[in-house]
C-alpha cells in the first residue's frame, strides 16, 4: 500500500533546487514519486510504505538543503 508524506524543506529557491531534491529523495528504496515546490517549501513523497525520516533528511542534505 502506498503512503504519501509531506516534508518541509528549507533553502529551495528555484526549479533546479526542486530537481536536486527530487533526484536525491527518488534514490531512497521504496520511493515511487517525488513532487517538490520551491514556492511552498514542501516536498511530497509517495512510497511503498513508511520511510525512515533520517534517510529523507540525509537525501535532502545531500542535495544541499535541510528539513525544517
C-alpha atoms as a PDB file:
ATOM      1  CA  UNK A   1       0.000   0.000   0.000  1.00  0.00           C
ATOM      2  CA  UNK A   2       1.454   3.366  -0.960  1.00  0.00           C
ATOM      3  CA  UNK A   3       1.888   6.200   1.509  1.00  0.00           C
ATOM      4  CA  UNK A   4       2.213   9.899   0.869  1.00  0.00           C
ATOM      5  CA  UNK A   5       4.247  12.092   3.221  1.00  0.00           C
ATOM      6  CA  UNK A   6       4.811  15.840   3.102  1.00  0.00           C
ATOM      7  CA  UNK A   7       8.115  17.299   4.266  1.00  0.00           C
ATOM      8  CA  UNK A   8       9.111  20.948   4.671  1.00  0.00           C
ATOM      9  CA  UNK A   9      12.459  21.728   3.065  1.00  0.00           C
ATOM     10  CA  UNK A  10      14.401  24.925   3.674  1.00  0.00           C
ATOM     11  CA  UNK A  11      16.610  26.642   1.146  1.00  0.00           C
ATOM     12  CA  UNK A  12      14.946  25.755  -2.176  1.00  0.00           C
ATOM     13  CA  UNK A  13      14.731  28.868  -4.355  1.00  0.00           C
ATOM     14  CA  UNK A  14      14.273  27.638  -7.939  1.00  0.00           C
ATOM     15  CA  UNK A  15      13.427  24.783 -10.272  1.00  0.00           C
ATOM     16  CA  UNK A  16      16.997  23.478 -10.145  1.00  0.00           C
ATOM     17  CA  UNK A  17      16.671  23.182  -6.358  1.00  0.00           C
ATOM     18  CA  UNK A  18      13.470  21.185  -6.814  1.00  0.00           C
ATOM     19  CA  UNK A  19      15.176  18.856  -9.294  1.00  0.00           C
ATOM     20  CA  UNK A  20      18.112  18.220  -6.974  1.00  0.00           C
ATOM     21  CA  UNK A  21      15.836  17.352  -4.061  1.00  0.00           C
ATOM     22  CA  UNK A  22      13.603  15.137  -6.239  1.00  0.00           C
ATOM     23  CA  UNK A  23      16.585  13.211  -7.584  1.00  0.00           C
ATOM     24  CA  UNK A  24      18.152  12.566  -4.165  1.00  0.00           C
ATOM     25  CA  UNK A  25      14.902  11.531  -2.465  1.00  0.00           C
ATOM     26  CA  UNK A  26      13.976   9.436  -5.502  1.00  0.00           C
ATOM     27  CA  UNK A  27      17.008   7.227  -4.847  1.00  0.00           C
ATOM     28  CA  UNK A  28      15.654   6.083  -1.475  1.00  0.00           C
ATOM     29  CA  UNK A  29      14.435   2.471  -1.755  1.00  0.00           C
ATOM     30  CA  UNK A  30      10.639   2.303  -1.847  1.00  0.00           C
ATOM     31  CA  UNK A  31      10.090   5.844  -3.139  1.00  0.00           C
ATOM     32  CA  UNK A  32       7.782   5.820  -6.168  1.00  0.00           C
ATOM     33  CA  UNK A  33       7.217   9.561  -6.745  1.00  0.00           C
ATOM     34  CA  UNK A  34       8.511  12.908  -5.502  1.00  0.00           C
ATOM     35  CA  UNK A  35       6.975  16.337  -6.024  1.00  0.00           C
ATOM     36  CA  UNK A  36       8.893  19.412  -4.844  1.00  0.00           C
ATOM     37  CA  UNK A  37       7.904  23.073  -4.798  1.00  0.00           C
ATOM     38  CA  UNK A  38      10.335  25.873  -4.009  1.00  0.00           C
ATOM     39  CA  UNK A  39       7.356  28.234  -3.780  1.00  0.00           C
ATOM     40  CA  UNK A  40       5.801  26.379  -0.841  1.00  0.00           C
ATOM     41  CA  UNK A  41       8.999  24.817   0.503  1.00  0.00           C
ATOM     42  CA  UNK A  42       7.290  21.440   0.522  1.00  0.00           C
ATOM     43  CA  UNK A  43       8.159  18.036  -0.844  1.00  0.00           C
ATOM     44  CA  UNK A  44       5.504  15.346  -1.218  1.00  0.00           C
ATOM     45  CA  UNK A  45       6.915  11.821  -1.287  1.00  0.00           C
ATOM     46  CA  UNK A  46       4.942   8.751  -2.350  1.00  0.00           C
ATOM     47  CA  UNK A  47       6.398   5.433  -1.247  1.00  0.00           C
ATOM     48  CA  UNK A  48       5.643   1.737  -0.886  1.00  0.00           C
ATOM     49  CA  UNK A  49       5.438   2.034   2.906  1.00  0.00           C
ATOM     50  CA  UNK A  50       6.860   4.161   5.688  1.00  0.00           C
ATOM     51  CA  UNK A  51      10.116   5.991   5.088  1.00  0.00           C
ATOM     52  CA  UNK A  52      12.851   6.474   7.629  1.00  0.00           C
ATOM     53  CA  UNK A  53      12.919  10.224   8.390  1.00  0.00           C
ATOM     54  CA  UNK A  54      16.703  10.026   8.782  1.00  0.00           C
ATOM     55  CA  UNK A  55      17.018   8.699   5.219  1.00  0.00           C
ATOM     56  CA  UNK A  56      14.870  11.533   3.886  1.00  0.00           C
ATOM     57  CA  UNK A  57      16.872  14.099   5.875  1.00  0.00           C
ATOM     58  CA  UNK A  58      20.145  12.643   4.570  1.00  0.00           C
ATOM     59  CA  UNK A  59      18.898  12.772   0.966  1.00  0.00           C
ATOM     60  CA  UNK A  60      17.757  16.377   1.347  1.00  0.00           C
ATOM     61  CA  UNK A  61      21.109  17.318   2.919  1.00  0.00           C
ATOM     62  CA  UNK A  62      22.968  15.535   0.092  1.00  0.00           C
ATOM     63  CA  UNK A  63      21.081  17.816  -2.316  1.00  0.00           C
ATOM     64  CA  UNK A  64      22.281  20.811  -0.311  1.00  0.00           C
ATOM     65  CA  UNK A  65      19.134  21.651   1.641  1.00  0.00           C
ATOM     66  CA  UNK A  66      17.581  20.827   5.014  1.00  0.00           C
ATOM     67  CA  UNK A  67      14.368  19.535   6.505  1.00  0.00           C
ATOM     68  CA  UNK A  68      12.618  22.144   8.633  1.00  0.00           C
END
